[in-house]
Amino acid sequence: MEIVILIVAMIVVGVIVGVVSGVIWKEERPLGAQGDAVVAIVTCIAVGLLDWYVIPAMGFSDTLKYIGVVSEPPLAALFVLWLIRRSRQ
């Protein structure tokens, strides 16, 4: 059940990051608004699941796992969207 909640939360975070990215980069959207949202959602889900499983496997505490799941996916999505914008110019 935790995984379903995690995936739904990452979808919501991805949509928010996709919308906010247009504000951050002054509406420069080489993939369009929907493309930004899809890229952000996929990135958030991938990084969130990676953090969920890899951090405990490395021997770190659950607290660090939750901090990683909360902070890394939005930052990774913004980084990927930034890379897409730089590569399209």
PDB file of N, CA and C in Angstrom:
ATOM      1  N   MET A   1       0.813  -1.194   0.000  1.00  0.00           N
ATOM      2  CA  MET A   1       0.000   0.000   0.000  1.00  0.00           C
ATOM      3  C   MET A   1       0.860   1.264   0.000  1.00  0.00           C
ATOM      4  N   GLU A   2       2.024   1.171   0.646  1.00  0.00           N
ATOM      5  CA  GLU A   2       2.905   2.337   0.685  1.00  0.00           C
ATOM      6  C   GLU A   2       3.381   2.736  -0.707  1.00  0.00           C
ATOM      7  N   ILE A   3       3.605   1.750  -1.558  1.00  0.00           N
ATOM      8  CA  ILE A   3       4.093   2.036  -2.913  1.00  0.00           C
ATOM      9  C   ILE A   3       3.044   2.798  -3.719  1.00  0.00           C
ATOM     10  N   VAL A   4       1.784   2.424  -3.562  1.00  0.00           N
ATOM     11  CA  VAL A   4       0.711   3.117  -4.278  1.00  0.00           C
ATOM     12  C   VAL A   4       0.644   4.573  -3.834  1.00  0.00           C
ATOM     13  N   ILE A   5       0.735   4.795  -2.539  1.00  0.00           N
ATOM     14  CA  ILE A   5       0.727   6.164  -2.018  1.00  0.00           C
ATOM     15  C   ILE A   5       1.935   6.935  -2.531  1.00  0.00           C
ATOM     16  N   LEU A   6       3.098   6.288  -2.562  1.00  0.00           N
ATOM     17  CA  LEU A   6       4.312   6.930  -3.062  1.00  0.00           C
ATOM     18  C   LEU A   6       4.161   7.313  -4.532  1.00  0.00           C
ATOM     19  N   ILE A   7       3.629   6.413  -5.334  1.00  0.00           N
ATOM     20  CA  ILE A   7       3.483   6.696  -6.762  1.00  0.00           C
ATOM     21  C   ILE A   7       2.480   7.822  -6.994  1.00  0.00           C
ATOM     22  N   VAL A   8       1.369   7.807  -6.276  1.00  0.00           N
ATOM     23  CA  VAL A   8       0.380   8.884  -6.410  1.00  0.00           C
ATOM     24  C   VAL A   8       0.984  10.215  -5.982  1.00  0.00           C
ATOM     25  N   ALA A   9       1.737  10.206  -4.889  1.00  0.00           N
ATOM     26  CA  ALA A   9       2.387  11.439  -4.435  1.00  0.00           C
ATOM     27  C   ALA A   9       3.401  11.940  -5.462  1.00  0.00           C
ATOM     28  N   MET A  10       4.154  11.037  -6.078  1.00  0.00           N
ATOM     29  CA  MET A  10       5.131  11.443  -7.082  1.00  0.00           C
ATOM     30  C   MET A  10       4.445  11.962  -8.352  1.00  0.00           C
ATOM     31  N   ILE A  11       3.283  11.437  -8.678  1.00  0.00           N
ATOM     32  CA  ILE A  11       2.522  11.969  -9.823  1.00  0.00           C
ATOM     33  C   ILE A  11       2.086  13.402  -9.533  1.00  0.00           C
ATOM     34  N   VAL A  12       1.586  13.636  -8.334  1.00  0.00           N
ATOM     35  CA  VAL A  12       1.171  14.992  -7.949  1.00  0.00           C
ATOM     36  C   VAL A  12       2.363  15.941  -7.955  1.00  0.00           C
ATOM     37  N   VAL A  13       3.471  15.510  -7.387  1.00  0.00           N
ATOM     38  CA  VAL A  13       4.681  16.342  -7.366  1.00  0.00           C
ATOM     39  C   VAL A  13       5.168  16.603  -8.794  1.00  0.00           C
ATOM     40  N   GLY A  14       5.119  15.589  -9.649  1.00  0.00           N
ATOM     41  CA  GLY A  14       5.540  15.768 -11.038  1.00  0.00           C
ATOM     42  C   GLY A  14       4.690  16.778 -11.780  1.00  0.00           C
ATOM     43  N   VAL A  15       3.380  16.743 -11.567  1.00  0.00           N
ATOM     44  CA  VAL A  15       2.497  17.722 -12.210  1.00  0.00           C
ATOM     45  C   VAL A  15       2.821  19.123 -11.713  1.00  0.00           C
ATOM     46  N   ILE A  16       3.025  19.267 -10.418  1.00  0.00           N
ATOM     47  CA  ILE A  16       3.358  20.582  -9.854  1.00  0.00           C
ATOM     48  C   ILE A  16       4.684  21.091 -10.416  1.00  0.00           C
ATOM     49  N   VAL A  17       5.679  20.237 -10.477  1.00  0.00           N
ATOM     50  CA  VAL A  17       6.987  20.641 -11.018  1.00  0.00           C
ATOM     51  C   VAL A  17       6.860  20.993 -12.500  1.00  0.00           C
ATOM     52  N   GLY A  18       6.068  20.234 -13.250  1.00  0.00           N
ATOM     53  CA  GLY A  18       5.871  20.533 -14.665  1.00  0.00           C
ATOM     54  C   GLY A  18       5.237  21.896 -14.886  1.00  0.00           C
ATOM     55  N   VAL A  19       4.292  22.258 -14.039  1.00  0.00           N
ATOM     56  CA  VAL A  19       3.636  23.567 -14.151  1.00  0.00           C
ATOM     57  C   VAL A  19       4.576  24.681 -13.702  1.00  0.00           C
ATOM     58  N   VAL A  20       5.273  24.459 -12.609  1.00  0.00           N
ATOM     59  CA  VAL A  20       6.163  25.486 -12.060  1.00  0.00           C
ATOM     60  C   VAL A  20       7.369  25.728 -12.971  1.00  0.00           C
ATOM     61  N   SER A  21       7.764  24.729 -13.728  1.00  0.00           N
ATOM     62  CA  SER A  21       8.935  24.903 -14.595  1.00  0.00           C
ATOM     63  C   SER A  21       8.710  26.000 -15.637  1.00  0.00           C
ATOM     64  N   GLY A  22       7.481  26.157 -16.097  1.00  0.00           N
ATOM     65  CA  GLY A  22       7.190  27.250 -17.028  1.00  0.00           C
ATOM     66  C   GLY A  22       7.353  28.609 -16.389  1.00  0.00           C
ATOM     67  N   VAL A  23       7.042  28.700 -15.120  1.00  0.00           N
ATOM     68  CA  VAL A  23       7.217  29.963 -14.391  1.00  0.00           C
ATOM     69  C   VAL A  23       8.700  30.230 -14.152  1.00  0.00           C
ATOM     70  N   ILE A  24       9.430  29.184 -13.822  1.00  0.00           N
ATOM     71  CA  ILE A  24      10.851  29.348 -13.530  1.00  0.00           C
ATOM     72  C   ILE A  24      11.620  29.796 -14.775  1.00  0.00           C
ATOM     73  N   TRP A  25      11.335  29.162 -15.912  1.00  0.00           N
ATOM     74  CA  TRP A  25      12.080  29.467 -17.131  1.00  0.00           C
ATOM     75  C   TRP A  25      11.291  30.331 -18.096  1.00  0.00           C
ATOM     76  N   LYS A  26      10.420  31.162 -17.598  1.00  0.00           N
ATOM     77  CA  LYS A  26       9.706  32.176 -18.386  1.00  0.00           C
ATOM     78  C   LYS A  26       8.975  31.602 -19.595  1.00  0.00           C
ATOM     79  N   GLU A  27       8.206  30.558 -19.359  1.00  0.00           N
ATOM     80  CA  GLU A  27       7.355  29.944 -20.388  1.00  0.00           C
ATOM     81  C   GLU A  27       8.133  29.388 -21.579  1.00  0.00           C
ATOM     82  N   GLU A  28       9.395  29.092 -21.386  1.00  0.00           N
ATOM     83  CA  GLU A  28      10.196  28.451 -22.431  1.00  0.00           C
ATOM     84  C   GLU A  28       9.942  26.947 -22.352  1.00  0.00           C
ATOM     85  N   ARG A  29       9.084  26.434 -23.226  1.00  0.00           N
ATOM     86  CA  ARG A  29       8.680  25.035 -23.160  1.00  0.00           C
ATOM     87  C   ARG A  29       8.899  24.357 -24.520  1.00  0.00           C
ATOM     88  N   PRO A  30      10.052  23.756 -24.736  1.00  0.00           N
ATOM     89  CA  PRO A  30      10.288  23.089 -26.017  1.00  0.00           C
ATOM     90  C   PRO A  30       9.395  21.869 -26.222  1.00  0.00           C
ATOM     91  N   LEU A  31       8.924  21.243 -25.162  1.00  0.00           N
ATOM     92  CA  LEU A  31       8.056  20.077 -25.275  1.00  0.00           C
ATOM     93  C   LEU A  31       6.591  20.429 -25.050  1.00  0.00           C
ATOM     94  N   GLY A  32       6.297  21.660 -24.712  1.00  0.00           N
ATOM     95  CA  GLY A  32       4.941  22.049 -24.382  1.00  0.00           C
ATOM     96  C   GLY A  32       4.654  21.791 -22.914  1.00  0.00           C
ATOM     97  N   ALA A  33       3.520  22.272 -22.458  1.00  0.00           N
ATOM     98  CA  ALA A  33       3.161  22.114 -21.050  1.00  0.00           C
ATOM     99  C   ALA A  33       2.922  20.653 -20.706  1.00  0.00           C
ATOM    100  N   GLN A  34       2.277  19.935 -21.593  1.00  0.00           N
ATOM    101  CA  GLN A  34       2.010  18.520 -21.326  1.00  0.00           C
ATOM    102  C   GLN A  34       3.291  17.708 -21.351  1.00  0.00           C
ATOM    103  N   GLY A  35       4.190  18.030 -22.245  1.00  0.00           N
ATOM    104  CA  GLY A  35       5.472  17.328 -22.306  1.00  0.00           C
ATOM    105  C   GLY A  35       6.295  17.546 -21.045  1.00  0.00           C
ATOM    106  N   ASP A  36       6.279  18.789 -20.544  1.00  0.00           N
ATOM    107  CA  ASP A  36       6.982  19.077 -19.292  1.00  0.00           C
ATOM    108  C   ASP A  36       6.391  18.270 -18.148  1.00  0.00           C
ATOM    109  N   ALA A  37       5.072  18.196 -18.100  1.00  0.00           N
ATOM    110  CA  ALA A  37       4.423  17.449 -17.024  1.00  0.00           C
ATOM    111  C   ALA A  37       4.761  15.964 -17.106  1.00  0.00           C
ATOM    112  N   VAL A  38       4.751  15.406 -18.309  1.00  0.00           N
ATOM    113  CA  VAL A  38       5.054  13.976 -18.471  1.00  0.00           C
ATOM    114  C   VAL A  38       6.493  13.681 -18.074  1.00  0.00           C
ATOM    115  N   VAL A  39       7.421  14.501 -18.517  1.00  0.00           N
ATOM    116  CA  VAL A  39       8.835  14.310 -18.159  1.00  0.00           C
ATOM    117  C   VAL A  39       9.020  14.424 -16.657  1.00  0.00           C
ATOM    118  N   ALA A  40       8.376  15.398 -16.035  1.00  0.00           N
ATOM    119  CA  ALA A  40       8.500  15.588 -14.593  1.00  0.00           C
ATOM    120  C   ALA A  40       7.889  14.415 -13.825  1.00  0.00           C
ATOM    121  N   ILE A  41       6.748  13.912 -14.287  1.00  0.00           N
ATOM    122  CA  ILE A  41       6.104  12.777 -13.616  1.00  0.00           C
ATOM    123  C   ILE A  41       6.979  11.537 -13.703  1.00  0.00           C
ATOM    124  N   VAL A  42       7.493  11.240 -14.892  1.00  0.00           N
ATOM    125  CA  VAL A  42       8.333  10.050 -15.064  1.00  0.00           C
ATOM    126  C   VAL A  42       9.602  10.160 -14.222  1.00  0.00           C
ATOM    127  N   THR A  43      10.210  11.329 -14.215  1.00  0.00           N
ATOM    128  CA  THR A  43      11.420  11.527 -13.418  1.00  0.00           C
ATOM    129  C   THR A  43      11.135  11.397 -11.932  1.00  0.00           C
ATOM    130  N   CYS A  44      10.052  11.993 -11.460  1.00  0.00           N
ATOM    131  CA  CYS A  44       9.705  11.914 -10.036  1.00  0.00           C
ATOM    132  C   CYS A  44       9.427  10.478  -9.610  1.00  0.00           C
ATOM    133  N   ILE A  45       8.708   9.736 -10.428  1.00  0.00           N
ATOM    134  CA  ILE A  45       8.418   8.346 -10.071  1.00  0.00           C
ATOM    135  C   ILE A  45       9.704   7.527 -10.036  1.00  0.00           C
ATOM    136  N   ALA A  46      10.549   7.687 -11.037  1.00  0.00           N
ATOM    137  CA  ALA A  46      11.790   6.911 -11.092  1.00  0.00           C
ATOM    138  C   ALA A  46      12.699   7.225  -9.905  1.00  0.00           C
ATOM    139  N   VAL A  47      12.906   8.487  -9.627  1.00  0.00           N
ATOM    140  CA  VAL A  47      13.801   8.869  -8.531  1.00  0.00           C
ATOM    141  C   VAL A  47      13.176   8.528  -7.180  1.00  0.00           C
ATOM    142  N   GLY A  48      11.873   8.701  -7.047  1.00  0.00           N
ATOM    143  CA  GLY A  48      11.206   8.370  -5.790  1.00  0.00           C
ATOM    144  C   GLY A  48      11.304   6.888  -5.468  1.00  0.00           C
ATOM    145  N   LEU A  49      11.055   6.035  -6.462  1.00  0.00           N
ATOM    146  CA  LEU A  49      11.175   4.596  -6.237  1.00  0.00           C
ATOM    147  C   LEU A  49      12.624   4.189  -5.977  1.00  0.00           C
ATOM    148  N   LEU A  50      13.536   4.810  -6.690  1.00  0.00           N
ATOM    149  CA  LEU A  50      14.948   4.523  -6.472  1.00  0.00           C
ATOM    150  C   LEU A  50      15.351   4.865  -5.040  1.00  0.00           C
ATOM    151  N   ASP A  51      14.944   6.030  -4.565  1.00  0.00           N
ATOM    152  CA  ASP A  51      15.238   6.423  -3.180  1.00  0.00           C
ATOM    153  C   ASP A  51      14.567   5.482  -2.191  1.00  0.00           C
ATOM    154  N   TRP A  52      13.339   5.083  -2.481  1.00  0.00           N
ATOM    155  CA  TRP A  52      12.578   4.241  -1.561  1.00  0.00           C
ATOM    156  C   TRP A  52      13.266   2.898  -1.318  1.00  0.00           C
ATOM    157  N   TYR A  53      13.891   2.349  -2.367  1.00  0.00           N
ATOM    158  CA  TYR A  53      14.503   1.029  -2.235  1.00  0.00           C
ATOM    159  C   TYR A  53      16.013   1.064  -2.006  1.00  0.00           C
ATOM    160  N   VAL A  54      16.706   2.006  -2.579  1.00  0.00           N
ATOM    161  CA  VAL A  54      18.168   2.009  -2.521  1.00  0.00           C
ATOM    162  C   VAL A  54      18.693   2.556  -1.194  1.00  0.00           C
ATOM    163  N   ILE A  55      18.091   3.598  -0.664  1.00  0.00           N
ATOM    164  CA  ILE A  55      18.597   4.187   0.578  1.00  0.00           C
ATOM    165  C   ILE A  55      18.576   3.183   1.729  1.00  0.00           C
ATOM    166  N   PRO A  56      17.471   2.435   1.947  1.00  0.00           N
ATOM    167  CA  PRO A  56      17.525   1.419   3.011  1.00  0.00           C
ATOM    168  C   PRO A  56      18.493   0.279   2.696  1.00  0.00           C
ATOM    169  N   ALA A  57      18.646  -0.070   1.423  1.00  0.00           N
ATOM    170  CA  ALA A  57      19.566  -1.144   1.054  1.00  0.00           C
ATOM    171  C   ALA A  57      21.017  -0.755   1.338  1.00  0.00           C
ATOM    172  N   MET A  58      21.285   0.534   1.354  1.00  0.00           N
ATOM    173  CA  MET A  58      22.628   1.006   1.662  1.00  0.00           C
ATOM    174  C   MET A  58      22.877   1.084   3.161  1.00  0.00           C
ATOM    175  N   GLY A  59      21.853   0.811   3.965  1.00  0.00           N
ATOM    176  CA  GLY A  59      22.022   0.788   5.403  1.00  0.00           C
ATOM    177  C   GLY A  59      21.679   2.080   6.112  1.00  0.00           C
ATOM    178  N   PHE A  60      21.096   3.024   5.402  1.00  0.00           N
ATOM    179  CA  PHE A  60      20.718   4.282   6.044  1.00  0.00           C
ATOM    180  C   PHE A  60      19.364   4.136   6.732  1.00  0.00           C
ATOM    181  N   SER A  61      19.051   5.064   7.590  1.00  0.00           N
ATOM    182  CA  SER A  61      17.828   4.984   8.396  1.00  0.00           C
ATOM    183  C   SER A  61      16.587   5.322   7.573  1.00  0.00           C
ATOM    184  N   ASP A  62      15.427   5.005   8.143  1.00  0.00           N
ATOM    185  CA  ASP A  62      14.167   5.350   7.496  1.00  0.00           C
ATOM    186  C   ASP A  62      13.974   6.860   7.407  1.00  0.00           C
ATOM    187  N   THR A  63      14.499   7.583   8.368  1.00  0.00           N
ATOM    188  CA  THR A  63      14.385   9.039   8.335  1.00  0.00           C
ATOM    189  C   THR A  63      15.066   9.603   7.095  1.00  0.00           C
ATOM    190  N   LEU A  64      16.245   9.112   6.801  1.00  0.00           N
ATOM    191  CA  LEU A  64      16.962   9.561   5.616  1.00  0.00           C
ATOM    192  C   LEU A  64      16.221   9.146   4.354  1.00  0.00           C
ATOM    193  N   LYS A  65      15.584   7.988   4.372  1.00  0.00           N
ATOM    194  CA  LYS A  65      14.792   7.535   3.218  1.00  0.00           C
ATOM    195  C   LYS A  65      13.664   8.519   2.949  1.00  0.00           C
ATOM    196  N   TYR A  66      12.954   8.933   3.984  1.00  0.00           N
ATOM    197  CA  TYR A  66      11.843   9.862   3.805  1.00  0.00           C
ATOM    198  C   TYR A  66      12.325  11.240   3.366  1.00  0.00           C
ATOM    199  N   ILE A  67      13.443  11.673   3.897  1.00  0.00           N
ATOM    200  CA  ILE A  67      14.009  12.956   3.462  1.00  0.00           C
ATOM    201  C   ILE A  67      14.396  12.893   1.993  1.00  0.00           C
ATOM    202  N   GLY A  68      15.009  11.779   1.578  1.00  0.00           N
ATOM    203  CA  GLY A  68      15.382  11.620   0.172  1.00  0.00           C
ATOM    204  C   GLY A  68      14.181  11.565  -0.743  1.00  0.00           C
ATOM    205  N   VAL A  69      13.133  10.870  -0.345  1.00  0.00           N
ATOM    206  CA  VAL A  69      11.933  10.751  -1.171  1.00  0.00           C
ATOM    207  C   VAL A  69      11.216  12.089  -1.293  1.00  0.00           C
ATOM    208  N   VAL A  70      11.305  12.917  -0.273  1.00  0.00           N
ATOM    209  CA  VAL A  70      10.643  14.221  -0.320  1.00  0.00           C
ATOM    210  C   VAL A  70      11.448  15.239  -1.119  1.00  0.00           C
ATOM    211  N   SER A  71      12.761  15.212  -1.001  1.00  0.00           N
ATOM    212  CA  SER A  71      13.563  16.282  -1.596  1.00  0.00           C
ATOM    213  C   SER A  71      14.125  15.970  -2.980  1.00  0.00           C
ATOM    214  N   GLU A  72      14.538  14.757  -3.229  1.00  0.00           N
ATOM    215  CA  GLU A  72      15.234  14.465  -4.479  1.00  0.00           C
ATOM    216  C   GLU A  72      14.359  14.441  -5.736  1.00  0.00           C
ATOM    217  N   PRO A  73      13.180  13.846  -5.739  1.00  0.00           N
ATOM    218  CA  PRO A  73      12.402  13.796  -6.990  1.00  0.00           C
ATOM    219  C   PRO A  73      12.079  15.160  -7.605  1.00  0.00           C
ATOM    220  N   PRO A  74      11.638  16.159  -6.820  1.00  0.00           N
ATOM    221  CA  PRO A  74      11.393  17.452  -7.467  1.00  0.00           C
ATOM    222  C   PRO A  74      12.666  18.092  -8.020  1.00  0.00           C
ATOM    223  N   LEU A  75      13.758  17.956  -7.280  1.00  0.00           N
ATOM    224  CA  LEU A  75      15.021  18.526  -7.768  1.00  0.00           C
ATOM    225  C   LEU A  75      15.511  17.804  -9.018  1.00  0.00           C
ATOM    226  N   ALA A  76      15.366  16.489  -9.046  1.00  0.00           N
ATOM    227  CA  ALA A  76      15.773  15.728 -10.230  1.00  0.00           C
ATOM    228  C   ALA A  76      14.906  16.081 -11.429  1.00  0.00           C
ATOM    229  N   ALA A  77      13.604  16.265 -11.208  1.00  0.00           N
ATOM    230  CA  ALA A  77      12.707  16.634 -12.312  1.00  0.00           C
ATOM    231  C   ALA A  77      13.066  18.015 -12.855  1.00  0.00           C
ATOM    232  N   LEU A  78      13.343  18.949 -11.973  1.00  0.00           N
ATOM    233  CA  LEU A  78      13.761  20.273 -12.442  1.00  0.00           C
ATOM    234  C   LEU A  78      15.074  20.196 -13.213  1.00  0.00           C
ATOM    235  N   PHE A  79      15.999  19.370 -12.743  1.00  0.00           N
ATOM    236  CA  PHE A  79      17.274  19.215 -13.436  1.00  0.00           C
ATOM    237  C   PHE A  79      17.077  18.613 -14.827  1.00  0.00           C
ATOM    238  N   VAL A  80      16.239  17.596 -14.939  1.00  0.00           N
ATOM    239  CA  VAL A  80      15.990  16.981 -16.248  1.00  0.00           C
ATOM    240  C   VAL A  80      15.304  17.975 -17.186  1.00  0.00           C
ATOM    241  N   LEU A  81      14.340  18.724 -16.685  1.00  0.00           N
ATOM    242  CA  LEU A  81      13.682  19.733 -17.524  1.00  0.00           C
ATOM    243  C   LEU A  81      14.666  20.818 -17.958  1.00  0.00           C
ATOM    244  N   TRP A  82      15.572  21.182 -17.072  1.00  0.00           N
ATOM    245  CA  TRP A  82      16.591  22.167 -17.431  1.00  0.00           C
ATOM    246  C   TRP A  82      17.506  21.609 -18.532  1.00  0.00           C
ATOM    247  N   LEU A  83      17.902  20.321 -18.392  1.00  0.00           N
ATOM    248  CA  LEU A  83      18.731  19.713 -19.415  1.00  0.00           C
ATOM    249  C   LEU A  83      18.025  19.679 -20.775  1.00  0.00           C
ATOM    250  N   ILE A  84      16.750  19.392 -20.775  1.00  0.00           N
ATOM    251  CA  ILE A  84      15.982  19.387 -22.025  1.00  0.00           C
ATOM    252  C   ILE A  84      15.968  20.769 -22.639  1.00  0.00           C
ATOM    253  N   ARG A  85      15.770  21.794 -21.828  1.00  0.00           N
ATOM    254  CA  ARG A  85      15.753  23.157 -22.357  1.00  0.00           C
ATOM    255  C   ARG A  85      17.126  23.558 -22.913  1.00  0.00           C
ATOM    256  N   ARG A  86      18.187  23.172 -22.240  1.00  0.00           N
ATOM    257  CA  ARG A  86      19.527  23.513 -22.732  1.00  0.00           C
ATOM    258  C   ARG A  86      19.855  22.748 -24.016  1.00  0.00           C
ATOM    259  N   SER A  87      19.394  21.535 -24.142  1.00  0.00           N
ATOM    260  CA  SER A  87      19.716  20.745 -25.329  1.00  0.00           C
ATOM    261  C   SER A  87      18.891  21.190 -26.535  1.00  0.00           C
ATOM    262  N   ARG A  88      17.763  21.817 -26.317  1.00  0.00           N
ATOM    263  CA  ARG A  88      16.899  22.239 -27.422  1.00  0.00           C
ATOM    264  C   ARG A  88      17.258  23.608 -27.966  1.00  0.00           C
ATOM    265  N   GLN A  89      18.187  24.304 -27.345  1.00  0.00           N
ATOM    266  CA  GLN A  89      18.520  25.651 -27.834  1.00  0.00           C
ATOM    267  C   GLN A  89      19.588  25.613 -28.878  1.00  0.00           C
TER     268      GLN A  89
END
